[in-house]
Amino acid sequence: MRFAPDFAGKNVLVTGASRGIGRAIAVEFARAGADVAITARSTSAAPGKFPGTLDETAEAVRALGRRAIVIPADITSEEGARSIARTALAELGHIDVLVHNAGISAPQPFVETPLKRFDLVMNVNLRGPVILTQELLPSMMERGEGRIVNVNSYLPMTQDVPNQSIYSAAKMAFQNLVEWIARECAPSGIAANTLGIDREITTDGWKLHRPDIDQSGLEQPEAVAEAALWIAAQPLSYAGRLVTIARAREEMAAAG
């Protein structure tokens, strides 16, 4: 990573951190000095269908000399989302940076999408993050400091990929909410922004999902992590924005 921020003494919570982009973000925050709470459903004891577990991410964080708090939870349930916040606060005392990375697309034509699938996509991408944010904001507001980074896919930014109507609706809804959170919480020292992934990122899950695509030239998850750390390191005035990876790189280059 070209950008080398200092997050020593900071506590970060990353959702969807068992693999891919979430793991990269957790590891890079640890490399920058932060202790990290990580949450997802996949663990060594209960692995998912794709490679990667929270325990493997935790090992990578601890190898950098930082503390890793493993929080297995299902963000689709209210209790699961609330338990993530409660455990993170109990273990770390406070959270300085909340990174919303967990997501699911479940592509299907809108007219054929059953309500059960609609609920799943909305719960993972919108309702769960809403509950988690509401649980953590009071602590941030009390301390007068906090950063929220919402990782958003490039899919809501384009209509070139078919069957993503529900996913796009959920992601755009939360992006809009993050802008409102930025306005409401700025007086309390909290900055909230959305990181827009404006390019394809190669991950183990993506390789399994699309083995027909040549992924040799795609960006690595660390590209997203670098942009996420850049956003989280900015002053309070840097808020309510949609920042793409390209834009983050331009700003990093301009900053020297």
Protein backbone atom coordinates (compact mmCIF):
# COMPACT_ATOMS: atom_id res chain seq x y z
CA MET A 1 0.00 0.00 0.00
CA ARG A 2 1.34 3.47 -0.90
CA PHE A 3 -0.77 5.17 1.75
CA ALA A 4 0.60 4.50 5.24
CA PRO A 5 -1.79 5.91 7.87
CA ASP A 6 -1.36 5.60 11.61
CA PHE A 7 -4.26 3.94 13.41
CA ALA A 8 -2.28 3.03 16.52
CA GLY A 9 -4.56 2.94 19.55
CA LYS A 10 -7.70 2.79 17.40
CA ASN A 11 -10.36 0.09 17.41
CA VAL A 12 -11.99 -0.97 14.16
CA LEU A 13 -15.00 -3.20 13.45
CA VAL A 14 -15.22 -4.82 10.01
CA THR A 15 -18.25 -6.82 8.87
CA GLY A 16 -18.00 -9.57 6.27
CA ALA A 17 -14.37 -10.08 7.28
CA SER A 18 -13.94 -13.82 6.76
CA ARG A 19 -12.55 -13.47 3.24
CA GLY A 20 -11.81 -11.24 0.28
CA ILE A 21 -12.30 -7.52 0.67
CA GLY A 22 -13.35 -7.68 4.32
CA ARG A 23 -10.28 -9.66 5.27
CA ALA A 24 -8.01 -7.28 3.38
CA ILE A 25 -9.54 -4.28 5.15
CA ALA A 26 -9.14 -5.90 8.58
CA VAL A 27 -5.53 -6.86 7.91
CA GLU A 28 -4.55 -3.44 6.57
CA PHE A 29 -6.08 -1.67 9.57
CA ALA A 30 -4.04 -4.01 11.78
CA ARG A 31 -0.94 -3.23 9.72
CA ALA A 32 -1.65 0.44 10.41
CA GLY A 33 -1.69 -0.24 14.17
CA ALA A 34 -5.38 -0.81 14.98
CA ASP A 35 -6.99 -3.56 17.00
CA VAL A 36 -9.74 -5.16 14.98
CA ALA A 37 -13.10 -6.77 15.70
CA ILE A 38 -14.20 -8.95 12.81
CA THR A 39 -17.58 -10.48 12.13
CA ALA A 40 -19.15 -12.87 9.63
CA ARG A 41 -20.78 -16.29 9.73
CA SER A 42 -17.90 -18.48 8.53
CA THR A 43 -15.56 -19.89 11.16
CA SER A 44 -13.24 -22.88 11.28
CA ALA A 45 -15.92 -24.73 13.23
CA ALA A 46 -18.68 -23.70 10.81
CA PRO A 47 -17.15 -22.89 7.41
CA GLY A 48 -19.21 -21.51 4.55
CA LYS A 49 -19.36 -22.66 0.95
CA PHE A 50 -16.63 -20.24 -0.10
CA PRO A 51 -13.00 -20.29 1.14
CA GLY A 52 -12.12 -18.18 4.16
CA THR A 53 -13.04 -17.99 7.83
CA LEU A 54 -12.93 -15.43 10.61
CA ASP A 55 -10.30 -17.52 12.36
CA GLU A 56 -7.96 -17.22 9.36
CA THR A 57 -8.45 -13.45 9.28
CA ALA A 58 -7.79 -13.29 13.02
CA GLU A 59 -4.53 -15.19 12.55
CA ALA A 60 -3.41 -12.67 9.93
CA VAL A 61 -4.27 -9.76 12.25
CA ARG A 62 -2.48 -11.30 15.23
CA ALA A 63 0.57 -12.05 13.09
CA LEU A 64 0.92 -8.27 12.77
CA GLY A 65 0.95 -7.94 16.55
CA ARG A 66 -2.56 -6.56 16.87
CA ARG A 67 -5.57 -7.79 18.79
CA ALA A 68 -8.34 -9.60 16.86
CA ILE A 69 -11.82 -10.05 18.31
CA VAL A 70 -13.73 -12.79 16.49
CA ILE A 71 -17.51 -12.30 16.50
CA PRO A 72 -19.39 -15.04 14.63
CA ALA A 73 -22.87 -13.68 13.97
CA ASP A 74 -25.68 -13.56 11.45
CA ILE A 75 -26.32 -9.92 10.60
CA THR A 76 -29.65 -10.81 8.98
CA SER A 77 -31.24 -11.19 12.43
CA GLU A 78 -31.88 -8.30 14.80
CA GLU A 79 -30.29 -10.15 17.70
CA GLY A 80 -27.30 -11.07 15.55
CA ALA A 81 -26.70 -7.47 14.52
CA ARG A 82 -27.08 -6.19 18.08
CA SER A 83 -24.79 -8.91 19.45
CA ILE A 84 -22.01 -7.77 17.10
CA ALA A 85 -22.07 -4.28 18.59
CA ARG A 86 -22.41 -5.48 22.18
CA THR A 87 -19.50 -7.89 21.88
CA ALA A 88 -17.24 -5.40 20.13
CA LEU A 89 -17.89 -2.75 22.78
CA ALA A 90 -17.49 -5.22 25.64
CA GLU A 91 -14.16 -6.50 24.31
CA LEU A 92 -12.61 -3.28 23.02
CA GLY A 93 -14.38 -0.60 25.07
CA HIS A 94 -15.21 1.55 22.07
CA ILE A 95 -15.14 1.50 18.27
CA ASP A 96 -13.37 4.28 16.39
CA VAL A 97 -14.06 3.04 12.86
CA LEU A 98 -17.04 0.98 11.68
CA VAL A 99 -16.61 -0.59 8.25
CA HIS A 100 -19.76 -1.96 6.63
CA ASN A 101 -18.50 -4.56 4.17
CA ALA A 102 -20.88 -7.53 4.47
CA GLY A 103 -23.11 -7.93 1.44
CA ILE A 104 -25.06 -10.38 -0.68
CA SER A 105 -26.52 -9.95 -4.15
CA ALA A 106 -28.63 -13.08 -4.93
CA PRO A 107 -29.23 -12.01 -8.56
CA GLN A 108 -32.63 -12.73 -10.10
CA PRO A 109 -35.06 -10.88 -12.37
CA PHE A 110 -37.20 -8.51 -10.31
CA VAL A 111 -40.49 -10.03 -11.44
CA GLU A 112 -39.29 -13.49 -10.37
CA THR A 113 -37.76 -12.53 -7.04
CA PRO A 114 -39.58 -14.23 -4.14
CA LEU A 115 -40.20 -12.21 -1.01
CA LYS A 116 -37.90 -14.52 0.97
CA ARG A 117 -34.95 -13.60 -1.26
CA PHE A 118 -35.92 -9.93 -1.18
CA ASP A 119 -35.89 -10.04 2.63
CA LEU A 120 -32.48 -11.76 2.69
CA VAL A 121 -30.86 -9.16 0.44
CA MET A 122 -32.45 -6.28 2.36
CA ASN A 123 -31.50 -7.73 5.74
CA VAL A 124 -27.83 -8.21 4.85
CA ASN A 125 -27.31 -4.99 2.90
CA LEU A 126 -29.66 -2.58 4.67
CA ARG A 127 -31.49 -3.67 7.82
CA GLY A 128 -28.50 -5.33 9.50
CA PRO A 129 -26.17 -2.37 8.89
CA VAL A 130 -28.88 0.00 10.13
CA ILE A 131 -29.22 -1.90 13.41
CA LEU A 132 -25.46 -2.19 13.88
CA THR A 133 -24.95 1.52 13.22
CA GLN A 134 -27.70 2.53 15.62
CA GLU A 135 -26.13 0.33 18.30
CA LEU A 136 -22.66 1.87 17.91
CA LEU A 137 -23.50 5.53 17.26
CA PRO A 138 -24.37 6.43 20.89
CA SER A 139 -20.91 5.36 22.04
CA MET A 140 -19.25 7.32 19.24
CA MET A 141 -21.39 10.36 19.98
CA GLU A 142 -20.59 10.19 23.68
CA ARG A 143 -16.86 10.13 22.90
CA GLY A 144 -17.24 12.84 20.26
CA GLU A 145 -15.37 10.88 17.64
CA GLY A 146 -16.03 8.18 15.05
CA ARG A 147 -15.75 7.17 11.44
CA ILE A 148 -18.15 5.08 9.34
CA VAL A 149 -17.08 3.63 6.00
CA ASN A 150 -19.77 1.98 3.90
CA VAL A 151 -18.29 -0.29 1.21
CA ASN A 152 -20.56 -0.23 -1.82
CA SER A 153 -20.34 -2.31 -4.99
CA TYR A 154 -20.03 -0.89 -8.48
CA LEU A 155 -23.24 -2.74 -9.42
CA PRO A 156 -25.64 -0.03 -8.18
CA MET A 157 -23.67 2.45 -10.27
CA THR A 158 -24.39 0.65 -13.52
CA GLN A 159 -27.21 -1.20 -15.22
CA ASP A 160 -24.84 -3.24 -17.38
CA VAL A 161 -25.08 -6.24 -15.02
CA PRO A 162 -28.52 -7.89 -15.20
CA ASN A 163 -30.75 -9.13 -12.38
CA GLN A 164 -29.39 -6.83 -9.67
CA SER A 165 -32.47 -4.69 -9.01
CA ILE A 166 -33.05 -5.74 -5.38
CA TYR A 167 -29.37 -5.63 -4.48
CA SER A 168 -28.98 -2.21 -6.08
CA ALA A 169 -32.04 -0.89 -4.26
CA ALA A 170 -30.69 -2.05 -0.90
CA LYS A 171 -27.18 -0.69 -1.46
CA MET A 172 -28.38 2.66 -2.77
CA ALA A 173 -30.77 2.99 0.15
CA PHE A 174 -27.98 2.52 2.67
CA GLN A 175 -25.70 4.84 0.73
CA ASN A 176 -28.35 7.54 0.97
CA LEU A 177 -28.77 6.83 4.68
CA VAL A 178 -25.03 7.19 5.23
CA GLU A 179 -25.25 10.68 3.74
CA TRP A 180 -27.99 11.55 6.23
CA ILE A 181 -25.96 10.08 9.09
CA ALA A 182 -23.07 12.30 8.02
CA ARG A 183 -25.28 15.40 8.26
CA GLU A 184 -26.90 14.47 11.56
CA CYS A 185 -23.78 13.25 13.34
CA ALA A 186 -21.16 15.77 12.20
CA PRO A 187 -21.80 17.95 15.30
CA SER A 188 -20.89 14.89 17.40
CA GLY A 189 -17.53 14.41 15.68
CA ILE A 190 -18.59 11.56 13.42
CA ALA A 191 -17.86 11.37 9.70
CA ALA A 192 -19.67 8.85 7.49
CA ASN A 193 -18.81 8.11 3.87
CA THR A 194 -19.41 5.51 1.16
CA LEU A 195 -16.57 3.84 -0.69
CA GLY A 196 -17.73 2.99 -4.20
CA ILE A 197 -15.91 0.06 -5.78
CA ASP A 198 -15.67 1.28 -9.35
CA ARG A 199 -13.76 -1.70 -10.76
CA GLU A 200 -13.83 -5.47 -10.59
CA ILE A 201 -11.95 -7.00 -7.68
CA THR A 202 -10.70 -10.57 -7.76
CA THR A 203 -11.44 -12.66 -4.66
CA ASP A 204 -11.63 -16.38 -3.92
CA GLY A 205 -15.41 -16.18 -3.90
CA TRP A 206 -15.50 -14.31 -7.21
CA LYS A 207 -13.17 -16.88 -8.77
CA LEU A 208 -15.54 -19.68 -7.78
CA HIS A 209 -18.60 -17.69 -8.82
CA ARG A 210 -17.22 -16.73 -12.26
CA PRO A 211 -14.58 -19.28 -13.28
CA ASP A 212 -15.24 -18.38 -16.94
CA ILE A 213 -13.72 -14.92 -16.59
CA ASP A 214 -10.00 -14.20 -16.90
CA GLN A 215 -9.26 -12.46 -13.60
CA SER A 216 -5.52 -12.06 -14.04
CA GLY A 217 -5.84 -8.35 -14.77
CA LEU A 218 -8.37 -7.49 -12.07
CA GLU A 219 -7.66 -5.41 -8.98
CA GLN A 220 -6.79 -7.10 -5.69
CA PRO A 221 -8.82 -6.67 -2.46
CA GLU A 222 -5.99 -4.55 -1.08
CA ALA A 223 -7.02 -1.80 -3.49
CA VAL A 224 -10.32 -1.49 -1.63
CA ALA A 225 -8.56 -1.67 1.73
CA GLU A 226 -6.22 1.18 0.80
CA ALA A 227 -9.17 3.38 -0.14
CA ALA A 228 -11.09 2.44 3.02
CA LEU A 229 -8.15 3.42 5.23
CA TRP A 230 -7.75 6.68 3.33
CA ILE A 231 -11.38 7.61 3.94
CA ALA A 232 -11.22 6.65 7.62
CA ALA A 233 -8.10 8.75 8.15
CA GLN A 234 -9.62 11.98 6.82
CA PRO A 235 -10.77 14.89 9.01
CA LEU A 236 -14.36 15.44 10.11
CA SER A 237 -15.02 17.76 7.18
CA TYR A 238 -14.53 14.80 4.85
CA ALA A 239 -18.05 13.41 5.19
CA GLY A 240 -21.22 12.54 3.32
CA ARG A 241 -19.29 11.59 0.20
CA LEU A 242 -19.28 8.81 -2.36
CA VAL A 243 -15.58 8.14 -2.90
CA THR A 244 -14.52 5.71 -5.62
CA ILE A 245 -11.21 3.87 -5.60
CA ALA A 246 -10.08 6.05 -8.48
CA ARG A 247 -11.00 9.21 -6.57
CA ALA A 248 -9.23 8.00 -3.43
CA ARG A 249 -6.09 7.34 -5.43
CA GLU A 250 -6.23 10.80 -6.96
CA GLU A 251 -6.56 12.37 -3.51
CA MET A 252 -3.72 10.23 -2.12
CA ALA A 253 -1.49 11.27 -5.02
CA ALA A 254 -2.37 14.93 -4.53
CA ALA A 255 -1.61 14.67 -0.82
CA GLY A 256 1.81 13.25 -1.61
